[in-house]
């Protein structure tokens, strides 16, 4: 949803900015296509780098913890027992549980990762999957305001771009409410307002600057 929203807002702003400058239909189409492609690759690259860095950081922390479990098992057991005691277990039960967890190296690593580091060793992220998802969702959002310019031009294309964007922005906002728990009408209206401001400002700037 967030990728669709980003693509929708950024490309409608670009398209209407060009249209406001009285650019030719072909120039608007070119700008829209360029915005879709460049934005999609930019989002995918950014998501890949971010997720890769996060995954590498998690793996490094897991490696440090794995070495500590291997070379300082008693210290790690005491750490684990202290965590259990801080969560309400009595000393005897905490010690027994920590001994049991430390008896299996892989279980010990998983337990320390969850309890001490707050991460799941099996879920360190998939950079390629995240990049692909960002690429597709951004492209989908960016394509919506571009559609009219592939069919028609001029005022008709502008109005259709505005209408399709408004409907899509409202729908995306309403869908996001399912995740945020906020009122769907509030979420949809906010998304529509943000999109309208971005599109209106760039259209106005394009109109004022114009093309020579």
C-alpha atoms as a PDB file:
ATOM      1  CA  UNK A   1       0.000   0.000   0.000  1.00  0.00           C
ATOM      2  CA  UNK A   2       2.772   2.432   0.872  1.00  0.00           C
ATOM      3  CA  UNK A   3       4.583   1.693  -2.391  1.00  0.00           C
ATOM      4  CA  UNK A   4       1.400   2.268  -4.377  1.00  0.00           C
ATOM      5  CA  UNK A   5       0.803   5.533  -2.515  1.00  0.00           C
ATOM      6  CA  UNK A   6       4.365   6.739  -3.218  1.00  0.00           C
ATOM      7  CA  UNK A   7       4.106   5.932  -6.908  1.00  0.00           C
ATOM      8  CA  UNK A   8       0.669   7.479  -7.206  1.00  0.00           C
ATOM      9  CA  UNK A   9       1.531  10.783  -5.526  1.00  0.00           C
ATOM     10  CA  UNK A  10       4.964  11.280  -7.071  1.00  0.00           C
ATOM     11  CA  UNK A  11       3.922  10.504 -10.641  1.00  0.00           C
ATOM     12  CA  UNK A  12       0.651  12.416 -10.653  1.00  0.00           C
ATOM     13  CA  UNK A  13       2.600  15.418  -9.349  1.00  0.00           C
ATOM     14  CA  UNK A  14       5.164  15.018 -12.119  1.00  0.00           C
ATOM     15  CA  UNK A  15       2.543  14.507 -14.835  1.00  0.00           C
ATOM     16  CA  UNK A  16       0.360  17.428 -13.767  1.00  0.00           C
ATOM     17  CA  UNK A  17       3.397  19.644 -13.324  1.00  0.00           C
ATOM     18  CA  UNK A  18       4.347  18.986 -16.925  1.00  0.00           C
ATOM     19  CA  UNK A  19       0.738  19.396 -18.066  1.00  0.00           C
ATOM     20  CA  UNK A  20       0.458  22.680 -16.179  1.00  0.00           C
ATOM     21  CA  UNK A  21       3.470  23.957 -18.100  1.00  0.00           C
ATOM     22  CA  UNK A  22       1.472  23.474 -21.342  1.00  0.00           C
ATOM     23  CA  UNK A  23       3.834  20.740 -22.468  1.00  0.00           C
ATOM     24  CA  UNK A  24       2.871  18.600 -25.426  1.00  0.00           C
ATOM     25  CA  UNK A  25       1.097  15.307 -24.773  1.00  0.00           C
ATOM     26  CA  UNK A  26       4.188  13.404 -25.884  1.00  0.00           C
ATOM     27  CA  UNK A  27       6.332  15.329 -23.385  1.00  0.00           C
ATOM     28  CA  UNK A  28       3.876  14.583 -20.578  1.00  0.00           C
ATOM     29  CA  UNK A  29       3.816  10.902 -21.529  1.00  0.00           C
ATOM     30  CA  UNK A  30       7.607  10.791 -21.614  1.00  0.00           C
ATOM     31  CA  UNK A  31       7.811  12.438 -18.199  1.00  0.00           C
ATOM     32  CA  UNK A  32       5.256  10.015 -16.789  1.00  0.00           C
ATOM     33  CA  UNK A  33       7.026   6.959 -18.155  1.00  0.00           C
ATOM     34  CA  UNK A  34      10.403   8.271 -16.986  1.00  0.00           C
ATOM     35  CA  UNK A  35       8.963   8.980 -13.537  1.00  0.00           C
ATOM     36  CA  UNK A  36       7.516   5.476 -13.348  1.00  0.00           C
ATOM     37  CA  UNK A  37      10.737   3.748 -14.383  1.00  0.00           C
ATOM     38  CA  UNK A  38      13.130   5.952 -12.423  1.00  0.00           C
ATOM     39  CA  UNK A  39      10.974   5.936  -9.324  1.00  0.00           C
ATOM     40  CA  UNK A  40      10.484   2.165  -9.403  1.00  0.00           C
ATOM     41  CA  UNK A  41      14.202   1.468  -9.740  1.00  0.00           C
ATOM     42  CA  UNK A  42      15.014   4.059  -7.090  1.00  0.00           C
ATOM     43  CA  UNK A  43      12.546   2.544  -4.636  1.00  0.00           C
ATOM     44  CA  UNK A  44      13.798  -0.973  -5.358  1.00  0.00           C
ATOM     45  CA  UNK A  45      17.456   0.013  -4.980  1.00  0.00           C
ATOM     46  CA  UNK A  46      16.812   1.894  -1.759  1.00  0.00           C
ATOM     47  CA  UNK A  47      14.809  -0.983  -0.289  1.00  0.00           C
ATOM     48  CA  UNK A  48      17.476  -3.507  -1.322  1.00  0.00           C
ATOM     49  CA  UNK A  49      20.326  -1.534   0.243  1.00  0.00           C
ATOM     50  CA  UNK A  50      18.339  -0.870   3.418  1.00  0.00           C
ATOM     51  CA  UNK A  51      17.222  -4.482   3.824  1.00  0.00           C
ATOM     52  CA  UNK A  52      20.682  -5.827   2.971  1.00  0.00           C
ATOM     53  CA  UNK A  53      22.303  -3.596   5.592  1.00  0.00           C
ATOM     54  CA  UNK A  54      19.714  -4.630   8.166  1.00  0.00           C
ATOM     55  CA  UNK A  55      20.178  -8.312   7.343  1.00  0.00           C
ATOM     56  CA  UNK A  56      23.976  -8.036   7.551  1.00  0.00           C
ATOM     57  CA  UNK A  57      23.726  -6.243  10.900  1.00  0.00           C
ATOM     58  CA  UNK A  58      21.474  -8.983  12.283  1.00  0.00           C
ATOM     59  CA  UNK A  59      23.807 -11.683  10.988  1.00  0.00           C
ATOM     60  CA  UNK A  60      26.766  -9.941  12.617  1.00  0.00           C
ATOM     61  CA  UNK A  61      24.952  -9.792  15.957  1.00  0.00           C
ATOM     62  CA  UNK A  62      24.053 -13.467  15.627  1.00  0.00           C
ATOM     63  CA  UNK A  63      27.678 -14.358  14.864  1.00  0.00           C
ATOM     64  CA  UNK A  64      28.858 -12.474  17.958  1.00  0.00           C
ATOM     65  CA  UNK A  65      26.253 -14.277  20.061  1.00  0.00           C
ATOM     66  CA  UNK A  66      27.176 -17.641  18.517  1.00  0.00           C
ATOM     67  CA  UNK A  67      30.847 -17.131  19.428  1.00  0.00           C
ATOM     68  CA  UNK A  68      29.926 -16.094  22.957  1.00  0.00           C
ATOM     69  CA  UNK A  69      27.803 -19.220  23.420  1.00  0.00           C
ATOM     70  CA  UNK A  70      30.672 -21.358  22.140  1.00  0.00           C
ATOM     71  CA  UNK A  71      33.472 -19.797  24.202  1.00  0.00           C
ATOM     72  CA  UNK A  72      31.664 -18.448  27.279  1.00  0.00           C
ATOM     73  CA  UNK A  73      28.687 -20.755  27.793  1.00  0.00           C
ATOM     74  CA  UNK A  74      28.405 -20.214  31.543  1.00  0.00           C
ATOM     75  CA  UNK A  75      28.344 -16.440  31.218  1.00  0.00           C
ATOM     76  CA  UNK A  76      25.657 -16.744  28.564  1.00  0.00           C
ATOM     77  CA  UNK A  77      23.680 -19.149  30.744  1.00  0.00           C
ATOM     78  CA  UNK A  78      23.758 -16.669  33.618  1.00  0.00           C
ATOM     79  CA  UNK A  79      22.605 -13.903  31.300  1.00  0.00           C
ATOM     80  CA  UNK A  80      19.699 -16.029  30.177  1.00  0.00           C
ATOM     81  CA  UNK A  81      18.795 -16.951  33.766  1.00  0.00           C
ATOM     82  CA  UNK A  82      18.856 -13.267  34.714  1.00  0.00           C
ATOM     83  CA  UNK A  83      16.466 -12.487  31.862  1.00  0.00           C
ATOM     84  CA  UNK A  84      14.064 -15.191  33.046  1.00  0.00           C
ATOM     85  CA  UNK A  85      14.244 -13.908  36.629  1.00  0.00           C
ATOM     86  CA  UNK A  86      13.498 -10.383  35.439  1.00  0.00           C
ATOM     87  CA  UNK A  87      10.354 -11.777  33.858  1.00  0.00           C
ATOM     88  CA  UNK A  88       9.053 -13.251  37.072  1.00  0.00           C
ATOM     89  CA  UNK A  89      10.525 -16.757  37.339  1.00  0.00           C
ATOM     90  CA  UNK A  90      12.052 -17.767  40.663  1.00  0.00           C
ATOM     91  CA  UNK A  91      15.797 -18.374  40.792  1.00  0.00           C
ATOM     92  CA  UNK A  92      15.611 -22.176  40.738  1.00  0.00           C
ATOM     93  CA  UNK A  93      13.256 -22.343  37.788  1.00  0.00           C
ATOM     94  CA  UNK A  94      15.224 -19.683  35.886  1.00  0.00           C
ATOM     95  CA  UNK A  95      18.459 -21.636  36.407  1.00  0.00           C
ATOM     96  CA  UNK A  96      16.866 -24.925  35.339  1.00  0.00           C
ATOM     97  CA  UNK A  97      15.347 -23.397  32.237  1.00  0.00           C
ATOM     98  CA  UNK A  98      18.578 -21.645  31.251  1.00  0.00           C
ATOM     99  CA  UNK A  99      20.538 -24.916  31.623  1.00  0.00           C
ATOM    100  CA  UNK A 100      18.026 -26.710  29.409  1.00  0.00           C
ATOM    101  CA  UNK A 101      18.161 -24.001  26.750  1.00  0.00           C
ATOM    102  CA  UNK A 102      21.964 -23.937  26.728  1.00  0.00           C
ATOM    103  CA  UNK A 103      22.238 -27.710  26.310  1.00  0.00           C
ATOM    104  CA  UNK A 104      21.480 -27.344  22.579  1.00  0.00           C
ATOM    105  CA  UNK A 105      23.725 -24.782  20.772  1.00  0.00           C
ATOM    106  CA  UNK A 106      21.141 -23.929  18.091  1.00  0.00           C
ATOM    107  CA  UNK A 107      18.344 -23.621  20.634  1.00  0.00           C
ATOM    108  CA  UNK A 108      20.637 -21.531  22.809  1.00  0.00           C
ATOM    109  CA  UNK A 109      21.367 -19.181  19.882  1.00  0.00           C
ATOM    110  CA  UNK A 110      17.696 -18.859  18.996  1.00  0.00           C
ATOM    111  CA  UNK A 111      16.762 -18.199  22.609  1.00  0.00           C
ATOM    112  CA  UNK A 112      19.466 -15.565  23.145  1.00  0.00           C
ATOM    113  CA  UNK A 113      18.568 -13.922  19.829  1.00  0.00           C
ATOM    114  CA  UNK A 114      14.921 -13.644  20.825  1.00  0.00           C
ATOM    115  CA  UNK A 115      15.334 -12.822  24.504  1.00  0.00           C
ATOM    116  CA  UNK A 116      18.490 -10.705  24.439  1.00  0.00           C
ATOM    117  CA  UNK A 117      18.645  -9.198  20.947  1.00  0.00           C
ATOM    118  CA  UNK A 118      14.930  -9.178  20.126  1.00  0.00           C
ATOM    119  CA  UNK A 119      15.360 -10.783  16.700  1.00  0.00           C
ATOM    120  CA  UNK A 120      14.297 -14.031  15.048  1.00  0.00           C
ATOM    121  CA  UNK A 121      17.311 -15.859  13.530  1.00  0.00           C
ATOM    122  CA  UNK A 122      15.070 -17.314  10.814  1.00  0.00           C
ATOM    123  CA  UNK A 123      13.668 -13.930   9.781  1.00  0.00           C
ATOM    124  CA  UNK A 124      16.537 -11.586   8.978  1.00  0.00           C
ATOM    125  CA  UNK A 125      14.850 -10.249   5.843  1.00  0.00           C
ATOM    126  CA  UNK A 126      15.020 -10.958   2.119  1.00  0.00           C
ATOM    127  CA  UNK A 127      16.532  -7.966   0.260  1.00  0.00           C
ATOM    128  CA  UNK A 128      15.609  -9.212  -3.230  1.00  0.00           C
ATOM    129  CA  UNK A 129      12.010  -9.882  -2.247  1.00  0.00           C
ATOM    130  CA  UNK A 130      11.714  -6.462  -0.608  1.00  0.00           C
ATOM    131  CA  UNK A 131      13.239  -4.757  -3.661  1.00  0.00           C
ATOM    132  CA  UNK A 132      10.933  -6.591  -6.048  1.00  0.00           C
ATOM    133  CA  UNK A 133       7.875  -5.739  -3.978  1.00  0.00           C
ATOM    134  CA  UNK A 134       8.828  -2.050  -3.855  1.00  0.00           C
ATOM    135  CA  UNK A 135       9.444  -1.981  -7.614  1.00  0.00           C
ATOM    136  CA  UNK A 136       6.079  -3.539  -8.475  1.00  0.00           C
ATOM    137  CA  UNK A 137       3.957  -1.541  -6.027  1.00  0.00           C
ATOM    138  CA  UNK A 138       5.553   1.800  -6.945  1.00  0.00           C
ATOM    139  CA  UNK A 139       5.170   1.064 -10.663  1.00  0.00           C
ATOM    140  CA  UNK A 140       1.514   0.155 -10.155  1.00  0.00           C
ATOM    141  CA  UNK A 141       0.792   3.403  -8.339  1.00  0.00           C
ATOM    142  CA  UNK A 142       2.749   5.472 -10.858  1.00  0.00           C
ATOM    143  CA  UNK A 143       0.955   3.870 -13.796  1.00  0.00           C
ATOM    144  CA  UNK A 144      -2.526   4.966 -12.693  1.00  0.00           C
ATOM    145  CA  UNK A 145      -2.244   8.717 -13.489  1.00  0.00           C
ATOM    146  CA  UNK A 146      -0.307   7.900 -16.665  1.00  0.00           C
ATOM    147  CA  UNK A 147      -3.070   5.771 -18.210  1.00  0.00           C
ATOM    148  CA  UNK A 148      -5.172   8.670 -19.625  1.00  0.00           C
ATOM    149  CA  UNK A 149      -2.124  10.089 -21.411  1.00  0.00           C
ATOM    150  CA  UNK A 150      -1.670   6.802 -23.236  1.00  0.00           C
ATOM    151  CA  UNK A 151      -5.200   7.100 -24.596  1.00  0.00           C
ATOM    152  CA  UNK A 152      -5.988  10.804 -24.961  1.00  0.00           C
ATOM    153  CA  UNK A 153      -4.406  14.216 -24.362  1.00  0.00           C
ATOM    154  CA  UNK A 154      -5.043  17.806 -23.314  1.00  0.00           C
ATOM    155  CA  UNK A 155      -7.751  18.773 -20.826  1.00  0.00           C
ATOM    156  CA  UNK A 156      -9.439  15.397 -21.103  1.00  0.00           C
ATOM    157  CA  UNK A 157      -6.251  13.587 -20.046  1.00  0.00           C
ATOM    158  CA  UNK A 158      -5.686  16.025 -17.183  1.00  0.00           C
ATOM    159  CA  UNK A 159      -9.217  15.520 -15.845  1.00  0.00           C
ATOM    160  CA  UNK A 160      -8.987  11.754 -16.146  1.00  0.00           C
ATOM    161  CA  UNK A 161      -5.612  11.738 -14.386  1.00  0.00           C
ATOM    162  CA  UNK A 162      -7.061  13.791 -11.552  1.00  0.00           C
ATOM    163  CA  UNK A 163     -10.146  11.569 -11.303  1.00  0.00           C
ATOM    164  CA  UNK A 164      -8.243   8.275 -11.352  1.00  0.00           C
ATOM    165  CA  UNK A 165      -5.726   9.574  -8.844  1.00  0.00           C
ATOM    166  CA  UNK A 166      -8.455  10.826  -6.522  1.00  0.00           C
ATOM    167  CA  UNK A 167     -10.281   7.491  -6.599  1.00  0.00           C
ATOM    168  CA  UNK A 168      -7.055   5.547  -6.099  1.00  0.00           C
ATOM    169  CA  UNK A 169      -5.795   7.792  -3.293  1.00  0.00           C
ATOM    170  CA  UNK A 170      -9.123   7.521  -1.480  1.00  0.00           C
ATOM    171  CA  UNK A 171      -9.097   3.721  -1.894  1.00  0.00           C
ATOM    172  CA  UNK A 172      -5.497   3.390  -0.686  1.00  0.00           C
ATOM    173  CA  UNK A 173      -6.256   5.527   2.358  1.00  0.00           C
ATOM    174  CA  UNK A 174      -9.307   3.438   3.185  1.00  0.00           C
ATOM    175  CA  UNK A 175      -7.296   0.222   2.823  1.00  0.00           C
ATOM    176  CA  UNK A 176      -4.543   1.533   5.118  1.00  0.00           C
ATOM    177  CA  UNK A 177      -7.149   2.044   7.836  1.00  0.00           C
ATOM    178  CA  UNK A 178      -7.370  -1.745   8.137  1.00  0.00           C
ATOM    179  CA  UNK A 179      -3.739  -1.766   9.359  1.00  0.00           C
ATOM    180  CA  UNK A 180      -3.754   1.412  11.455  1.00  0.00           C
ATOM    181  CA  UNK A 181      -7.098   0.874  13.145  1.00  0.00           C
ATOM    182  CA  UNK A 182      -8.139   4.464  12.407  1.00  0.00           C
ATOM    183  CA  UNK A 183     -11.424   5.525  10.844  1.00  0.00           C
ATOM    184  CA  UNK A 184     -11.443   4.546   7.166  1.00  0.00           C
ATOM    185  CA  UNK A 185     -13.040   7.856   6.246  1.00  0.00           C
ATOM    186  CA  UNK A 186     -10.356   9.831   8.085  1.00  0.00           C
ATOM    187  CA  UNK A 187      -7.543   7.775   6.577  1.00  0.00           C
ATOM    188  CA  UNK A 188      -9.007   7.960   3.060  1.00  0.00           C
ATOM    189  CA  UNK A 189      -9.643  11.708   3.290  1.00  0.00           C
ATOM    190  CA  UNK A 190      -6.120  12.364   4.567  1.00  0.00           C
ATOM    191  CA  UNK A 191      -4.601  10.386   1.705  1.00  0.00           C
ATOM    192  CA  UNK A 192      -6.775  12.232  -0.796  1.00  0.00           C
ATOM    193  CA  UNK A 193      -5.804  15.611   0.673  1.00  0.00           C
ATOM    194  CA  UNK A 194      -2.086  14.841   0.556  1.00  0.00           C
ATOM    195  CA  UNK A 195      -2.319  13.725  -3.056  1.00  0.00           C
ATOM    196  CA  UNK A 196      -4.387  16.795  -3.976  1.00  0.00           C
ATOM    197  CA  UNK A 197      -1.876  19.184  -2.389  1.00  0.00           C
ATOM    198  CA  UNK A 198       1.092  17.551  -4.142  1.00  0.00           C
ATOM    199  CA  UNK A 199      -0.668  17.544  -7.509  1.00  0.00           C
ATOM    200  CA  UNK A 200      -2.055  21.068  -7.089  1.00  0.00           C
ATOM    201  CA  UNK A 201       1.263  22.604  -6.098  1.00  0.00           C
ATOM    202  CA  UNK A 202       3.215  21.046  -8.962  1.00  0.00           C
ATOM    203  CA  UNK A 203       0.493  21.906 -11.479  1.00  0.00           C
ATOM    204  CA  UNK A 204       0.579  25.501 -10.259  1.00  0.00           C
ATOM    205  CA  UNK A 205       4.362  25.690 -10.423  1.00  0.00           C
ATOM    206  CA  UNK A 206       4.337  24.214 -13.922  1.00  0.00           C
ATOM    207  CA  UNK A 207       1.658  26.700 -14.996  1.00  0.00           C
ATOM    208  CA  UNK A 208       3.624  29.646 -13.624  1.00  0.00           C
ATOM    209  CA  UNK A 209       6.953  28.626 -15.105  1.00  0.00           C
ATOM    210  CA  UNK A 210       5.571  27.271 -18.371  1.00  0.00           C
ATOM    211  CA  UNK A 211       7.677  26.052 -21.270  1.00  0.00           C
ATOM    212  CA  UNK A 212       9.624  28.140 -23.711  1.00  0.00           C
END
